[in-house]
Amino acid sequence: MSVPSEPTTVTPRLLQQWGLPDPGDSKNSRGTAMIIGGSPLSAGAVVLAAEAALRVGAGKVAVTTDAAIADVVRITVPEAGIYESPAADEPTPDALRTAYDGADAVLVGPGLDDPEHAAEWLRRLAGHDIACLVVDAFAVGAVREVPRSDLPRSLIINANLDEAELLLGRPVDDLFSDLRPLARELDAVIHCYSAVVAPSGAVWRLDVGGPGLGTAGSGDVAAGTITGFAARGLDPERAAAWGAWAHARAGDRLAERMGLGFLARELTGELPAVVLEVQGARDAGD
């Protein structure tokens, strides 16, 4: 099958055509997401990511975070199971290894405050039977430190512009044309701002979202949203496109009501309505 040379615009109609997996009749049928990250400097990042994954329909979410903030996360996200991160010189506890091996999607990176810590987590995850791995924040820059063959087959990179340039080793000239060879090289689906690019060369364009999304914690919500859709069983390309679009559309909905200045925590509350909006789309409502 040939790959279109021009980006395909993500619309509600396209997402409706793709659809979502049947939610089934229990939380177990909607998938499990594991969020790994957080630090005393940024305790809220894993909270935002975990809530976003739940808000787009993931049935269960677990969070692995720094022991110093684990109780804060337990209280803030009572719906999640909480694990404490092992120290750098400690082995991964069996219970934690079982948890991320059993997850349908694992997100690593939000809120980690040290690049080496992010690289250490990627090395811990290397070689494990993880269905889909999403990398974010400092973990994006650490991707090249682990052989690609040791990482899960399904890999999604959620990058901001600085992180995309770090992977490229130069400034971004054209987001769409620059990310195509990078996605192929890393054998990963890459989301960066208005672009979602697959290793096949397929590219999707997002014409939603605005300056209000440039707020602290917004990227954590985007990463959690993508992870939630991946946990539900969407393939990496569609999980990234669904998640990126839903995150951006949530921002548009808030901007329409509030203008500039909404908070990242408010994005998560819009996500169920965004999914419902897509599911109710009509042919003329693209």
Protein backbone atom coordinates (compact mmCIF):
# COMPACT_ATOMS: atom_id res chain seq x y z
CA MET A 1 0.00 0.00 0.00
CA SER A 2 1.41 3.37 -1.00
CA VAL A 3 1.86 6.09 1.61
CA PRO A 4 0.31 9.51 0.83
CA SER A 5 2.96 12.16 0.25
CA GLU A 6 0.85 14.84 1.94
CA PRO A 7 -0.31 14.73 5.56
CA THR A 8 -3.80 13.46 6.28
CA THR A 9 -5.77 15.89 8.43
CA VAL A 10 -7.19 14.37 11.60
CA THR A 11 -10.90 15.19 11.81
CA PRO A 12 -13.76 13.93 13.97
CA ARG A 13 -15.03 12.05 10.94
CA LEU A 14 -11.70 10.26 10.46
CA LEU A 15 -11.56 9.33 14.14
CA GLN A 16 -15.16 8.14 14.00
CA GLN A 17 -14.28 5.93 11.03
CA TRP A 18 -11.35 4.47 12.96
CA GLY A 19 -13.55 3.96 16.00
CA LEU A 20 -12.52 2.80 19.45
CA PRO A 21 -12.31 -0.72 20.87
CA ASP A 22 -15.47 -2.06 22.45
CA PRO A 23 -15.32 -1.09 26.14
CA GLY A 24 -16.77 -4.42 27.23
CA ASP A 25 -18.44 -4.80 30.57
CA SER A 26 -15.63 -4.32 33.10
CA LYS A 27 -12.52 -2.28 33.82
CA ASN A 28 -10.39 -5.25 32.77
CA SER A 29 -11.76 -5.09 29.23
CA ARG A 30 -10.70 -1.44 28.82
CA GLY A 31 -7.00 -1.96 29.38
CA THR A 32 -4.38 -1.06 31.97
CA ALA A 33 -1.93 1.84 31.77
CA MET A 34 1.26 2.19 33.83
CA ILE A 35 2.65 5.72 34.35
CA ILE A 36 6.32 5.95 35.43
CA GLY A 37 7.71 9.30 36.48
CA GLY A 38 7.38 12.11 38.96
CA SER A 39 9.83 13.67 41.40
CA PRO A 40 9.69 16.02 44.40
CA LEU A 41 10.16 18.85 41.89
CA SER A 42 7.23 17.74 39.75
CA ALA A 43 4.75 15.58 41.61
CA GLY A 44 1.83 16.73 39.48
CA ALA A 45 3.06 15.34 36.16
CA VAL A 46 2.16 11.72 36.91
CA VAL A 47 -1.14 12.84 38.41
CA LEU A 48 -2.10 14.65 35.20
CA ALA A 49 -0.98 11.76 32.99
CA ALA A 50 -2.79 9.16 35.08
CA GLU A 51 -6.04 11.11 35.14
CA ALA A 52 -5.85 11.73 31.39
CA ALA A 53 -5.48 7.99 30.73
CA LEU A 54 -8.53 7.26 32.86
CA ARG A 55 -10.55 10.09 31.30
CA VAL A 56 -10.21 8.63 27.80
CA GLY A 57 -11.45 5.28 28.98
CA ALA A 58 -8.53 3.17 30.24
CA GLY A 59 -9.99 0.75 32.77
CA LYS A 60 -7.13 0.72 35.25
CA VAL A 61 -4.08 2.91 35.87
CA ALA A 62 -1.01 2.32 38.00
CA VAL A 63 1.64 4.91 38.84
CA THR A 64 5.28 4.26 39.72
CA THR A 65 6.86 7.29 41.31
CA ASP A 66 9.49 8.60 43.73
CA ALA A 67 8.93 7.33 47.27
CA ALA A 68 9.01 10.91 48.58
CA ILE A 69 5.82 11.81 46.73
CA ALA A 70 4.07 8.44 46.58
CA ASP A 71 1.62 9.30 49.36
CA VAL A 72 0.72 12.59 47.68
CA VAL A 73 -0.08 10.72 44.47
CA ARG A 74 -2.07 8.09 46.38
CA ILE A 75 -4.30 10.79 47.82
CA THR A 76 -4.58 12.84 44.64
CA VAL A 77 -5.38 9.91 42.34
CA PRO A 78 -7.27 7.47 44.56
CA GLU A 79 -8.30 5.47 41.48
CA ALA A 80 -4.70 4.44 40.75
CA GLY A 81 -2.49 1.74 42.18
CA ILE A 82 0.77 3.29 43.39
CA TYR A 83 4.25 1.73 43.34
CA GLU A 84 7.42 3.31 44.71
CA SER A 85 10.39 3.61 42.36
CA PRO A 86 13.43 1.54 43.35
CA ALA A 87 16.66 3.40 44.01
CA ALA A 88 19.23 3.47 41.21
CA ASP A 89 21.31 0.68 42.80
CA GLU A 90 18.33 -1.53 43.65
CA PRO A 91 16.80 -4.26 41.48
CA THR A 92 13.25 -3.89 40.22
CA PRO A 93 10.86 -5.50 42.74
CA ASP A 94 9.00 -8.51 41.40
CA ALA A 95 5.60 -6.91 42.03
CA LEU A 96 6.54 -3.85 40.00
CA ARG A 97 8.01 -5.94 37.18
CA THR A 98 4.81 -7.96 37.04
CA ALA A 99 2.76 -4.77 36.96
CA TYR A 100 4.46 -3.18 33.98
CA ASP A 101 4.79 -6.46 32.12
CA GLY A 102 1.05 -6.90 32.53
CA ALA A 103 0.12 -3.38 31.45
CA ASP A 104 -1.36 -2.75 28.01
CA ALA A 105 0.61 0.50 27.71
CA VAL A 106 3.48 1.96 29.74
CA LEU A 107 4.34 5.67 29.82
CA VAL A 108 7.76 6.69 31.10
CA GLY A 109 9.06 10.20 31.59
CA PRO A 110 6.52 12.72 32.90
CA GLY A 111 7.92 14.61 35.87
CA LEU A 112 11.31 12.91 35.98
CA ASP A 113 13.80 15.64 36.85
CA ASP A 114 17.03 14.01 35.71
CA PRO A 115 17.99 12.70 32.23
CA GLU A 116 20.03 9.85 33.72
CA HIS A 117 17.08 8.73 35.81
CA ALA A 118 14.99 8.59 32.63
CA ALA A 119 17.69 6.57 30.86
CA GLU A 120 17.88 4.23 33.84
CA TRP A 121 14.15 3.57 33.56
CA LEU A 122 14.45 2.76 29.86
CA ARG A 123 17.23 0.32 30.69
CA ARG A 124 15.01 -1.28 33.37
CA LEU A 125 12.21 -1.69 30.84
CA ALA A 126 14.49 -3.01 28.08
CA GLY A 127 13.85 -6.58 27.12
CA HIS A 128 10.51 -6.85 28.89
CA ASP A 129 7.30 -7.96 27.24
CA ILE A 130 5.58 -4.56 27.16
CA ALA A 131 2.73 -4.21 24.68
CA CYS A 132 3.29 -0.51 23.94
CA LEU A 133 5.81 1.96 25.37
CA VAL A 134 5.21 5.72 25.32
CA VAL A 135 8.18 7.97 26.10
CA ASP A 136 7.88 11.58 27.18
CA ALA A 137 9.98 14.45 28.54
CA PHE A 138 13.54 13.42 29.58
CA ALA A 139 12.88 9.86 28.40
CA VAL A 140 12.67 11.16 24.83
CA GLY A 141 16.29 12.28 24.92
CA ALA A 142 17.31 8.93 26.41
CA VAL A 143 15.79 6.78 23.66
CA ARG A 144 19.07 6.48 21.78
CA GLU A 145 20.87 5.23 24.91
CA VAL A 146 19.11 1.87 24.70
CA PRO A 147 19.37 -0.40 21.63
CA ARG A 148 16.12 -0.19 19.70
CA SER A 149 15.94 -3.98 19.58
CA ASP A 150 15.73 -4.03 23.40
CA LEU A 151 12.71 -1.73 23.50
CA PRO A 152 9.13 -2.85 22.83
CA ARG A 153 8.10 -3.30 19.22
CA SER A 154 5.35 -0.69 19.64
CA LEU A 155 6.99 2.61 20.58
CA ILE A 156 5.41 6.07 20.69
CA ILE A 157 7.49 9.21 21.26
CA ASN A 158 5.62 12.25 22.60
CA ALA A 159 8.07 15.10 21.97
CA ASN A 160 7.98 18.85 22.24
CA LEU A 161 9.97 20.92 19.73
CA ASP A 162 13.13 21.02 21.87
CA GLU A 163 13.06 17.25 22.30
CA ALA A 164 12.47 16.69 18.59
CA GLU A 165 15.49 18.85 17.83
CA LEU A 166 17.54 16.88 20.34
CA LEU A 167 16.67 13.66 18.51
CA LEU A 168 17.38 15.24 15.13
CA GLY A 169 20.65 16.80 16.29
CA ARG A 170 19.70 20.07 14.64
CA PRO A 171 16.89 22.65 14.51
CA VAL A 172 13.62 21.57 12.96
CA ASP A 173 13.18 23.08 9.51
CA ASP A 174 9.86 21.52 8.52
CA LEU A 175 8.08 19.47 11.17
CA PHE A 176 6.48 17.00 8.78
CA SER A 177 9.39 16.35 6.44
CA ASP A 178 11.97 16.27 9.27
CA LEU A 179 10.03 13.79 11.41
CA ARG A 180 9.46 11.28 8.61
CA PRO A 181 13.05 9.98 8.42
CA LEU A 182 13.38 10.21 12.21
CA ALA A 183 10.32 8.01 12.75
CA ARG A 184 11.71 5.52 10.25
CA GLU A 185 15.16 5.55 11.88
CA LEU A 186 13.80 5.05 15.41
CA ASP A 187 11.04 2.69 14.25
CA ALA A 188 8.61 4.71 16.35
CA VAL A 189 5.46 6.75 16.00
CA ILE A 190 6.32 10.36 16.83
CA HIS A 191 3.91 13.04 18.00
CA CYS A 192 5.21 16.60 18.06
CA TYR A 193 2.78 19.50 18.22
CA SER A 194 0.68 19.42 15.02
CA ALA A 195 2.29 16.30 13.55
CA VAL A 196 1.94 12.56 14.06
CA VAL A 197 4.36 10.52 11.96
CA ALA A 198 4.65 6.75 11.59
CA PRO A 199 7.71 4.66 10.60
CA SER A 200 5.89 3.82 7.36
CA GLY A 201 6.09 7.48 6.35
CA ALA A 202 2.39 8.11 6.94
CA VAL A 203 1.78 11.57 8.41
CA TRP A 204 -1.26 13.10 10.10
CA ARG A 205 -1.81 16.83 10.61
CA LEU A 206 -3.65 18.35 13.57
CA ASP A 207 -5.54 21.54 12.80
CA VAL A 208 -6.84 21.94 16.34
CA GLY A 209 -5.33 23.41 19.48
CA GLY A 210 -4.06 26.89 20.17
CA PRO A 211 -1.72 28.95 22.34
CA GLY A 212 -3.58 27.98 25.50
CA LEU A 213 -2.02 24.53 25.27
CA GLY A 214 1.36 26.14 25.97
CA THR A 215 0.93 25.83 29.72
CA ALA A 216 2.72 23.86 32.43
CA GLY A 217 1.55 20.25 32.53
CA SER A 218 -0.12 20.26 29.12
CA GLY A 219 2.43 17.83 27.69
CA ASP A 220 1.82 15.45 30.60
CA VAL A 221 -1.88 15.43 29.74
CA ALA A 222 -1.08 14.75 26.08
CA ALA A 223 1.21 11.85 27.02
CA GLY A 224 -1.38 10.36 29.35
CA THR A 225 -4.12 10.72 26.75
CA ILE A 226 -2.07 8.89 24.12
CA THR A 227 -1.22 6.19 26.67
CA GLY A 228 -4.86 5.77 27.61
CA PHE A 229 -5.88 5.13 24.02
CA ALA A 230 -2.97 2.71 23.57
CA ALA A 231 -4.04 0.87 26.73
CA ARG A 232 -7.53 0.52 25.29
CA GLY A 233 -6.02 -1.39 22.38
CA LEU A 234 -5.54 1.12 19.57
CA ASP A 235 -2.44 0.56 17.46
CA PRO A 236 0.37 3.10 18.06
CA GLU A 237 -0.42 5.29 15.04
CA ARG A 238 -4.09 5.64 15.90
CA ALA A 239 -3.43 5.98 19.63
CA ALA A 240 -1.08 8.89 18.95
CA ALA A 241 -3.47 10.58 16.51
CA TRP A 242 -6.51 10.05 18.74
CA GLY A 243 -4.62 11.23 21.82
CA ALA A 244 -3.02 14.26 20.22
CA TRP A 245 -6.30 15.38 18.67
CA ALA A 246 -8.32 14.84 21.86
CA HIS A 247 -5.79 16.81 23.91
CA ALA A 248 -5.81 19.70 21.42
CA ARG A 249 -9.59 19.71 21.06
CA ALA A 250 -9.95 19.81 24.85
CA GLY A 251 -7.87 22.99 24.75
CA ASP A 252 -10.12 24.47 22.08
CA ARG A 253 -13.21 23.77 24.14
CA LEU A 254 -11.70 25.50 27.16
CA ALA A 255 -10.49 28.45 25.08
CA GLU A 256 -14.00 28.93 23.67
CA ARG A 257 -15.38 29.29 27.21
CA MET A 258 -12.49 30.85 29.10
CA GLY A 259 -9.99 32.33 26.69
CA LEU A 260 -6.27 32.07 27.42
CA GLY A 261 -5.23 30.97 30.90
CA PHE A 262 -6.89 27.61 31.46
CA LEU A 263 -4.87 25.07 33.44
CA ALA A 264 -3.58 21.68 32.38
CA ARG A 265 -5.67 20.02 35.11
CA GLU A 266 -8.77 21.43 33.39
CA LEU A 267 -7.86 19.70 30.13
CA THR A 268 -8.39 16.27 31.66
CA GLY A 269 -11.97 17.11 32.63
CA GLU A 270 -12.79 17.93 29.00
CA LEU A 271 -11.55 14.63 27.58
CA PRO A 272 -14.68 12.49 28.07
CA ALA A 273 -16.77 15.16 26.33
CA VAL A 274 -14.26 15.28 23.46
CA VAL A 275 -14.50 11.51 22.95
CA LEU A 276 -18.30 11.76 23.09
CA GLU A 277 -18.17 14.61 20.58
CA VAL A 278 -16.29 12.41 18.11
CA GLN A 279 -18.58 9.45 18.63
CA GLY A 280 -21.54 11.68 17.84
CA ALA A 281 -19.97 13.29 14.76
CA ARG A 282 -22.01 13.48 11.56
CA ASP A 283 -20.79 13.41 7.98
CA ALA A 284 -21.16 17.18 7.76
CA GLY A 285 -19.46 17.79 11.10
CA ASP A 286 -15.82 17.37 10.08
